[in-house]
Amino acid sequence: MNSTTDIVTTSQDSYWSFIWKESANRKSLLLGIGLCIIQFVIFKLLYPFPDFFGDSYSYIFAASAHLDISIWPIGYSKFLDWFHAITHSDTALVAFQYFFLQAAALHFYFTIIYFFKVKRVTQTILFLFLFINPLSLYLCNTVNSDALFAALTLLWLIQMIWIVQRPRLYQVLIQAILLFLCFTVRNNAYYYPAVTVIAYLLTKQSWKVKLGGILMPFFFLVPFIIYTEQAAFKITGIRQYSLFTGWQLANNALYIYDRIEQDSLALPTPAAKEVNRLTLSFLKHVNEEEYRSLLETYVGNFFIREPNAPLKRYFGSHYQHLHSEMALTAAWGKASADFEPFGKAVILQHPMAYTWYFIRPNILHYFLPPLSHIERYNYGTNEIDPIARDWFGYPNSTVHCISHSLQGFLIIYEAFFLLFNLYFLWQLAKYLINYKRVHLTSENDRVMWAVAAFLLLNFLFSIVTTVNILRYQVVPMAILLSFGALLNDHLSELVPGKKPHLISKSPIIADQKTNLLQKDI
């Protein structure tokens, strides 16, 4: 953070020299690292054990069984497996997740101030949000894919910024690897290839390089998808990439079932017709108004979680005597294949109802995403499942912390996410309305369009495909604040009739009167 000027201009020095040789930036780096270490030590004194919830045990089982496919994307389980080969320490795992995420945040912070003209107050706000952020601590203290996915997504987005700002040939491979890693960890990365396409179309490179950058991720993704489908075939007898997609599609379709008249003859499979019968029977025993209100306020996927809902009733009647986690995983995958034709058929046959009764209420969940499991530590109990006890080598199944409910204060981040969305949209609207007069320099303008595309696709994915919760929006929250603030800084510095220039030498380099050429990172 700069202490001598109100406006910090971007540097033509190399990136690493910009961070380390400029005194203010070096101090920011060391301060950020120091704050992260202090916060982590204090936090682990208060929360000596990680937080666990249902997904945690699924990830641990897949890691312990060395599976190549599971209910959730396999990337995080592979990470747990590899990490476990080094150490069984839960503290080491949480520390890695936290410091990896914070290292990515530092890289993001310095990338922003390297390429963009940033006010001192904006630098301070971004620094505080990124490095004194309790949400990051709680997220990283959970045995779940959120922290790893957030760090990888940040690194991938940073690479997108560099591709647009300062393209180099090696970035083709780096961004492809990062996108692939994101893809293996969370299904939320499904739309990332589209962002990559947009970023490369915006960059100033030859069409051969652009095409290579667009296609390179698929050299990793296609073999991985084929391998995953083959792994699914081995345990379920059905080739499918995800053991969860069918559950999600059927869940989404059932959100509109009380508002449509479904022709059973239009359903493609016997399993789909059976789900239809179970659903009609289920709806006969609910209060219409209370039921609809419950669906629109329920945290999570109602028809996947509720034991008396049609999907779980179908699962229970067709897949019994599941005495092992492996048998449960295989049965879950088989049921997913049963449910997928039903979900697709209902949604495609009733697009308007789906838009009104699933997507419309989901818009509220997007702007005010509920905390979900991170509202209470370990679901409010002191007991964990034996598989977690054995995985981390605990003497017993008891865990403890300073308070199970203290983290409920994180609800303030629901308001932050709403405010950051409104703030970014307001700044973007002002920018577009006055675009001819106020547009950024060409590279920064392209970055802004790429970022806007990422945020738009994230919004659409969040409202169309699944019920949204806060932990899915950690990186978008940081992006909204950062680029909303950058637009505000740019617009506030405009002088009527004067064309803005955001790329200029840093004050230090200008004072030294050097003519440094742009260098690689």
Foldseek 3Di string as FASTA:
>chain_A
DDDPDQKWFAALDELVCVQCVDVVNVVLVVVLVVLLVVVLVVQCVQFVAFFEDDVLLQLLVCLVVVALAFQFQNLLSVVLNVVLVVPLALSVQLVCLLVLQLVLLSLLLSLLSNHFIAGPVLSVVLSCCSRVPVVSSNVSSHSALLSVLNSLVSVLLSLLLCCLQPNDLVSLQVNLVSLLSNVRRHVLSVCVLVLQLLSLVQHPDDPVSSVSSSCVNCVRVVVSQQVQQVSLCVLQVGRDSHLHQLVLLLLLLLLLVVPDDDDLVLQDDPLLSQLVVLSVVVVVPDDVVVVLVCSLPPQFRCQVPDCSHSLNVSLPVPQDPQPDPSSVRNSSSNSSVSRNSNSVRSCVVCVPSSCVRQLVSLLVCQLQPAAPPSQFGNNQAQFDDVSSCVSSVPPHGGGDGNGGRPSNVCSVVSVLSNVLVVLLVVLVVVCVVCVVAQPAPSSVNSSVVSLVVVLVVSSCCSRNRTRGHDSVCPNVSSSSSSVSSSSVVSVVPDDPPDHDYRHDHTPVCVVVVDDDHRDHD
